[in-house]
Amino acid sequence: MILYRPVGTKELKLIEESGYCKFPPRLPEQPIFYPVLTEQYAVEIASGWNVKYNDDHKGYVTKFEVDDAYCRKFEVHQVGGRHHKELWIPKEKLEEFNAHIIGKICIVGEFSDNELPAG
């Protein structure tokens, strides 16, 4: 299954430190790791939320593949419009999830407040 994950600079640095092989552990206040199913949705989050709320006003979209059989263990949640679909991974399962990533995590989009329209 191809998945996407919108991330900020801090999370991207931790992904880079892993050799682009895994996502970092969740923070205590983050009970769920939620990759998204469409690049469109990931772009919305990275260009909107990450750019607006991260200290450096940057957001990135990562793309990666996870073993299909493993992904079927988790429920897909639609959290808004038709393309707003997420896979919810409990933080206790993130290391196991990381072990099922096939290949490397790739950066497919980068956004900053310098690229956003004024207004």
N, C-alpha and C. Protein backbone atom coordinates (compact mmCIF):
# COMPACT_ATOMS: atom_id res chain seq x y z
N MET A 1 0.85 -1.17 0.00
CA MET A 1 0.00 0.00 0.00
C MET A 1 0.90 1.24 0.00
N ILE A 2 0.61 2.16 -0.88
CA ILE A 2 1.33 3.43 -0.91
C ILE A 2 0.63 4.38 0.06
N LEU A 3 1.41 4.99 0.95
CA LEU A 3 0.89 5.92 1.94
C LEU A 3 1.69 7.21 1.89
N TYR A 4 1.12 8.24 2.49
CA TYR A 4 1.76 9.55 2.55
C TYR A 4 1.72 10.04 3.99
N ARG A 5 2.70 10.85 4.33
CA ARG A 5 2.73 11.40 5.68
C ARG A 5 3.20 12.85 5.59
N PRO A 6 2.33 13.80 5.95
CA PRO A 6 2.77 15.19 6.04
C PRO A 6 3.59 15.37 7.31
N VAL A 7 4.74 16.01 7.20
CA VAL A 7 5.62 16.19 8.35
C VAL A 7 6.20 17.60 8.37
N GLY A 8 6.67 17.99 9.53
CA GLY A 8 7.41 19.24 9.67
C GLY A 8 8.90 18.95 9.64
N THR A 9 9.69 20.00 9.75
CA THR A 9 11.15 19.88 9.66
C THR A 9 11.73 19.00 10.76
N LYS A 10 11.23 19.13 11.98
CA LYS A 10 11.78 18.33 13.09
C LYS A 10 11.58 16.84 12.85
N GLU A 11 10.37 16.46 12.43
CA GLU A 11 10.10 15.04 12.17
C GLU A 11 10.90 14.57 10.95
N LEU A 12 11.04 15.42 9.95
CA LEU A 12 11.81 15.05 8.77
C LEU A 12 13.27 14.78 9.12
N LYS A 13 13.84 15.57 10.01
CA LYS A 13 15.24 15.35 10.43
C LYS A 13 15.38 13.98 11.11
N LEU A 14 14.40 13.59 11.91
CA LEU A 14 14.46 12.28 12.57
C LEU A 14 14.31 11.15 11.55
N ILE A 15 13.49 11.35 10.54
CA ILE A 15 13.36 10.36 9.46
C ILE A 15 14.69 10.25 8.73
N GLU A 16 15.31 11.38 8.45
CA GLU A 16 16.62 11.39 7.78
C GLU A 16 17.66 10.64 8.61
N GLU A 17 17.67 10.87 9.93
CA GLU A 17 18.62 10.19 10.81
C GLU A 17 18.45 8.67 10.79
N SER A 18 17.25 8.19 10.45
CA SER A 18 17.00 6.75 10.37
C SER A 18 17.42 6.18 9.02
N GLY A 19 17.96 7.03 8.16
CA GLY A 19 18.31 6.59 6.81
C GLY A 19 17.08 6.51 5.92
N TYR A 20 16.06 7.29 6.26
CA TYR A 20 14.78 7.30 5.53
C TYR A 20 14.11 5.93 5.56
N CYS A 21 14.27 5.25 6.71
CA CYS A 21 13.71 3.90 6.86
C CYS A 21 12.56 3.81 7.85
N LYS A 22 12.41 4.80 8.73
CA LYS A 22 11.35 4.69 9.73
C LYS A 22 10.91 6.07 10.23
N PHE A 23 9.73 6.06 10.82
CA PHE A 23 9.18 7.26 11.43
C PHE A 23 9.52 7.25 12.92
N PRO A 24 9.74 8.43 13.50
CA PRO A 24 10.13 8.49 14.92
C PRO A 24 8.95 8.18 15.84
N PRO A 25 9.26 7.81 17.08
CA PRO A 25 8.20 7.53 18.06
C PRO A 25 7.29 8.75 18.23
N ARG A 26 6.07 8.50 18.60
CA ARG A 26 5.11 9.56 18.85
C ARG A 26 5.43 10.23 20.18
N LEU A 27 5.03 11.47 20.31
CA LEU A 27 5.16 12.19 21.57
C LEU A 27 4.08 11.69 22.54
N PRO A 28 4.26 11.90 23.84
CA PRO A 28 3.28 11.38 24.81
C PRO A 28 1.84 11.82 24.52
N GLU A 29 1.66 13.02 24.01
CA GLU A 29 0.31 13.53 23.74
C GLU A 29 -0.22 13.09 22.37
N GLN A 30 0.51 12.24 21.66
CA GLN A 30 0.11 11.77 20.33
C GLN A 30 -0.12 10.25 20.36
N PRO A 31 -1.35 9.82 20.63
CA PRO A 31 -1.62 8.39 20.77
C PRO A 31 -1.68 7.62 19.45
N ILE A 32 -1.79 8.35 18.34
CA ILE A 32 -1.99 7.68 17.05
C ILE A 32 -0.99 8.23 16.02
N PHE A 33 -0.46 7.33 15.22
CA PHE A 33 0.31 7.69 14.04
C PHE A 33 -0.63 7.52 12.87
N TYR A 34 -0.82 8.57 12.08
CA TYR A 34 -1.81 8.47 11.02
C TYR A 34 -1.26 8.87 9.65
N PRO A 35 -0.72 7.90 8.92
CA PRO A 35 -0.40 8.18 7.52
C PRO A 35 -1.71 8.33 6.75
N VAL A 36 -1.66 9.07 5.65
CA VAL A 36 -2.86 9.31 4.86
C VAL A 36 -2.79 8.54 3.54
N LEU A 37 -3.96 8.33 2.94
CA LEU A 37 -4.04 7.47 1.76
C LEU A 37 -3.87 8.19 0.43
N THR A 38 -3.96 9.53 0.44
CA THR A 38 -3.81 10.26 -0.82
C THR A 38 -2.79 11.37 -0.70
N GLU A 39 -2.08 11.59 -1.78
CA GLU A 39 -1.12 12.69 -1.82
C GLU A 39 -1.85 14.03 -1.69
N GLN A 40 -3.03 14.14 -2.27
CA GLN A 40 -3.81 15.37 -2.19
C GLN A 40 -4.06 15.78 -0.74
N TYR A 41 -4.47 14.83 0.08
CA TYR A 41 -4.73 15.10 1.49
C TYR A 41 -3.43 15.48 2.21
N ALA A 42 -2.35 14.77 1.93
CA ALA A 42 -1.06 15.08 2.55
C ALA A 42 -0.60 16.49 2.19
N VAL A 43 -0.80 16.89 0.94
CA VAL A 43 -0.43 18.24 0.50
C VAL A 43 -1.26 19.29 1.25
N GLU A 44 -2.54 19.02 1.42
CA GLU A 44 -3.39 19.96 2.17
C GLU A 44 -2.86 20.19 3.58
N ILE A 45 -2.47 19.12 4.24
CA ILE A 45 -1.98 19.23 5.61
C ILE A 45 -0.61 19.92 5.64
N ALA A 46 0.30 19.47 4.79
CA ALA A 46 1.67 20.02 4.79
C ALA A 46 1.67 21.50 4.41
N SER A 47 0.89 21.86 3.39
CA SER A 47 0.91 23.25 2.92
C SER A 47 0.05 24.17 3.76
N GLY A 48 -0.91 23.61 4.46
CA GLY A 48 -1.79 24.40 5.30
C GLY A 48 -1.37 24.38 6.75
N TRP A 49 -1.55 23.24 7.40
CA TRP A 49 -1.29 23.15 8.83
C TRP A 49 0.20 23.27 9.16
N ASN A 50 1.05 22.46 8.53
CA ASN A 50 2.48 22.48 8.87
C ASN A 50 3.10 23.85 8.62
N VAL A 51 2.81 24.44 7.48
CA VAL A 51 3.38 25.75 7.14
C VAL A 51 2.90 26.82 8.12
N LYS A 52 1.65 26.74 8.51
CA LYS A 52 1.08 27.74 9.40
C LYS A 52 1.56 27.60 10.85
N TYR A 53 1.67 26.36 11.34
CA TYR A 53 1.89 26.16 12.77
C TYR A 53 3.30 25.74 13.17
N ASN A 54 4.14 25.30 12.26
CA ASN A 54 5.50 24.92 12.63
C ASN A 54 6.37 26.17 12.78
N ASP A 55 7.34 26.09 13.68
CA ASP A 55 8.19 27.25 13.97
C ASP A 55 8.88 27.81 12.73
N ASP A 56 9.32 26.94 11.84
CA ASP A 56 10.04 27.41 10.64
C ASP A 56 9.12 27.62 9.43
N HIS A 57 7.83 27.40 9.63
CA HIS A 57 6.82 27.60 8.57
C HIS A 57 7.12 26.80 7.31
N LYS A 58 7.48 25.53 7.53
CA LYS A 58 7.73 24.61 6.44
C LYS A 58 6.95 23.32 6.66
N GLY A 59 6.59 22.68 5.57
CA GLY A 59 5.91 21.39 5.62
C GLY A 59 6.38 20.53 4.47
N TYR A 60 6.36 19.23 4.67
CA TYR A 60 6.85 18.28 3.68
C TYR A 60 5.84 17.15 3.53
N VAL A 61 5.80 16.56 2.35
CA VAL A 61 4.99 15.37 2.12
C VAL A 61 5.96 14.22 1.85
N THR A 62 5.82 13.16 2.64
CA THR A 62 6.61 11.96 2.41
C THR A 62 5.70 10.89 1.81
N LYS A 63 6.32 10.01 1.05
CA LYS A 63 5.62 8.90 0.40
C LYS A 63 6.39 7.63 0.71
N PHE A 64 5.67 6.56 0.99
CA PHE A 64 6.33 5.30 1.32
C PHE A 64 5.37 4.15 1.07
N GLU A 65 5.93 2.96 1.03
CA GLU A 65 5.12 1.76 0.80
C GLU A 65 5.20 0.86 2.02
N VAL A 66 4.06 0.26 2.35
CA VAL A 66 3.97 -0.67 3.48
C VAL A 66 3.30 -1.94 2.97
N ASP A 67 3.76 -3.06 3.47
CA ASP A 67 3.21 -4.36 3.14
C ASP A 67 1.68 -4.35 3.23
N ASP A 68 1.02 -4.71 2.14
CA ASP A 68 -0.46 -4.69 2.07
C ASP A 68 -1.10 -5.54 3.15
N ALA A 69 -0.62 -6.75 3.33
CA ALA A 69 -1.23 -7.65 4.32
C ALA A 69 -1.15 -7.05 5.71
N TYR A 70 -0.05 -6.42 6.03
CA TYR A 70 0.09 -5.79 7.34
C TYR A 70 -0.89 -4.62 7.48
N CYS A 71 -1.02 -3.81 6.45
CA CYS A 71 -1.91 -2.64 6.51
C CYS A 71 -3.36 -3.03 6.75
N ARG A 72 -3.75 -4.19 6.29
CA ARG A 72 -5.13 -4.64 6.48
C ARG A 72 -5.50 -4.85 7.95
N LYS A 73 -4.52 -4.88 8.82
CA LYS A 73 -4.78 -5.01 10.26
C LYS A 73 -5.39 -3.74 10.85
N PHE A 74 -5.27 -2.63 10.12
CA PHE A 74 -5.68 -1.33 10.64
C PHE A 74 -6.87 -0.78 9.85
N GLU A 75 -7.73 -0.10 10.57
CA GLU A 75 -8.93 0.45 9.97
C GLU A 75 -8.62 1.78 9.29
N VAL A 76 -9.23 1.99 8.12
CA VAL A 76 -9.15 3.27 7.43
C VAL A 76 -10.24 4.17 8.00
N HIS A 77 -9.87 5.39 8.34
CA HIS A 77 -10.84 6.36 8.88
C HIS A 77 -11.00 7.51 7.90
N GLN A 78 -12.23 7.82 7.56
CA GLN A 78 -12.51 9.00 6.75
C GLN A 78 -12.82 10.13 7.72
N VAL A 79 -12.02 11.20 7.67
CA VAL A 79 -12.11 12.25 8.69
C VAL A 79 -12.60 13.59 8.14
N GLY A 80 -13.11 13.57 6.95
CA GLY A 80 -13.61 14.80 6.33
C GLY A 80 -14.18 14.46 4.97
N GLY A 81 -13.65 15.13 3.95
CA GLY A 81 -14.11 14.89 2.59
C GLY A 81 -13.74 13.51 2.09
N ARG A 82 -14.15 13.21 0.89
CA ARG A 82 -13.96 11.89 0.29
C ARG A 82 -12.49 11.44 0.30
N HIS A 83 -11.57 12.37 0.08
CA HIS A 83 -10.14 12.01 0.02
C HIS A 83 -9.42 12.16 1.36
N HIS A 84 -10.14 12.50 2.42
CA HIS A 84 -9.54 12.66 3.75
C HIS A 84 -9.56 11.33 4.50
N LYS A 85 -8.72 10.41 4.03
CA LYS A 85 -8.67 9.07 4.63
C LYS A 85 -7.31 8.84 5.26
N GLU A 86 -7.35 8.25 6.45
CA GLU A 86 -6.14 8.00 7.24
C GLU A 86 -6.14 6.55 7.71
N LEU A 87 -4.96 6.03 7.89
CA LEU A 87 -4.77 4.74 8.53
C LEU A 87 -4.34 5.05 9.96
N TRP A 88 -5.06 4.56 10.95
CA TRP A 88 -4.75 4.87 12.34
C TRP A 88 -3.92 3.74 12.94
N ILE A 89 -2.69 4.08 13.31
CA ILE A 89 -1.76 3.13 13.90
C ILE A 89 -1.55 3.54 15.37
N PRO A 90 -1.94 2.73 16.34
CA PRO A 90 -1.66 3.08 17.74
C PRO A 90 -0.15 3.25 17.94
N LYS A 91 0.23 4.22 18.75
CA LYS A 91 1.66 4.51 18.90
C LYS A 91 2.45 3.30 19.39
N GLU A 92 1.81 2.38 20.10
CA GLU A 92 2.48 1.18 20.58
C GLU A 92 2.87 0.26 19.42
N LYS A 93 2.25 0.44 18.26
CA LYS A 93 2.50 -0.41 17.08
C LYS A 93 3.42 0.25 16.06
N LEU A 94 3.92 1.45 16.35
CA LEU A 94 4.69 2.18 15.34
C LEU A 94 5.99 1.48 14.96
N GLU A 95 6.71 0.92 15.92
CA GLU A 95 7.95 0.20 15.57
C GLU A 95 7.64 -0.99 14.67
N GLU A 96 6.58 -1.70 14.99
CA GLU A 96 6.17 -2.83 14.16
C GLU A 96 5.77 -2.34 12.76
N PHE A 97 5.03 -1.23 12.70
CA PHE A 97 4.65 -0.63 11.43
C PHE A 97 5.91 -0.27 10.62
N ASN A 98 6.87 0.37 11.27
CA ASN A 98 8.12 0.74 10.60
C ASN A 98 8.82 -0.47 10.00
N ALA A 99 8.74 -1.60 10.67
CA ALA A 99 9.40 -2.81 10.18
C ALA A 99 8.75 -3.34 8.90
N HIS A 100 7.54 -2.88 8.60
CA HIS A 100 6.83 -3.33 7.40
C HIS A 100 6.93 -2.33 6.24
N ILE A 101 7.71 -1.26 6.43
CA ILE A 101 7.93 -0.31 5.34
C ILE A 101 8.83 -0.98 4.31
N ILE A 102 8.43 -0.87 3.05
CA ILE A 102 9.19 -1.46 1.94
C ILE A 102 10.00 -0.35 1.28
N GLY A 103 11.30 -0.48 1.26
CA GLY A 103 12.15 0.55 0.64
C GLY A 103 12.32 1.75 1.54
N LYS A 104 12.52 2.90 0.93
CA LYS A 104 12.81 4.14 1.66
C LYS A 104 11.60 5.07 1.68
N ILE A 105 11.59 5.94 2.66
CA ILE A 105 10.61 7.02 2.75
C ILE A 105 11.14 8.15 1.87
N CYS A 106 10.33 8.62 0.94
CA CYS A 106 10.75 9.65 -0.02
C CYS A 106 10.03 10.97 0.26
N ILE A 107 10.70 12.07 0.00
CA ILE A 107 10.08 13.39 0.08
C ILE A 107 9.54 13.71 -1.31
N VAL A 108 8.23 13.95 -1.40
CA VAL A 108 7.62 14.23 -2.70
C VAL A 108 7.04 15.64 -2.78
N GLY A 109 7.11 16.40 -1.69
CA GLY A 109 6.62 17.77 -1.70
C GLY A 109 7.22 18.57 -0.57
N GLU A 110 7.45 19.86 -0.83
CA GLU A 110 8.00 20.76 0.17
C GLU A 110 7.28 22.09 0.05
N PHE A 111 6.86 22.64 1.18
CA PHE A 111 6.08 23.87 1.20
C PHE A 111 6.61 24.81 2.26
N SER A 112 6.51 26.10 2.00
CA SER A 112 6.89 27.11 2.99
C SER A 112 5.98 28.31 2.84
N ASP A 113 5.98 29.17 3.84
CA ASP A 113 5.11 30.34 3.77
C ASP A 113 5.54 31.30 2.67
N ASN A 114 6.77 31.17 2.16
CA ASN A 114 7.22 31.99 1.04
C ASN A 114 6.50 31.63 -0.25
N GLU A 115 5.94 30.42 -0.31
CA GLU A 115 5.29 29.93 -1.52
C GLU A 115 3.78 30.14 -1.50
N LEU A 116 3.26 30.60 -0.37
CA LEU A 116 1.82 30.75 -0.25
C LEU A 116 1.38 32.12 -0.77
N PRO A 117 0.19 32.21 -1.32
CA PRO A 117 -0.30 33.51 -1.80
C PRO A 117 -0.51 34.47 -0.64
N ALA A 118 -0.28 35.72 -0.86
CA ALA A 118 -0.49 36.76 0.18
C ALA A 118 -1.97 36.88 0.48
N GLY A 119 -2.25 37.25 1.71
CA GLY A 119 -3.65 37.49 2.05
C GLY A 119 -4.06 36.67 3.16
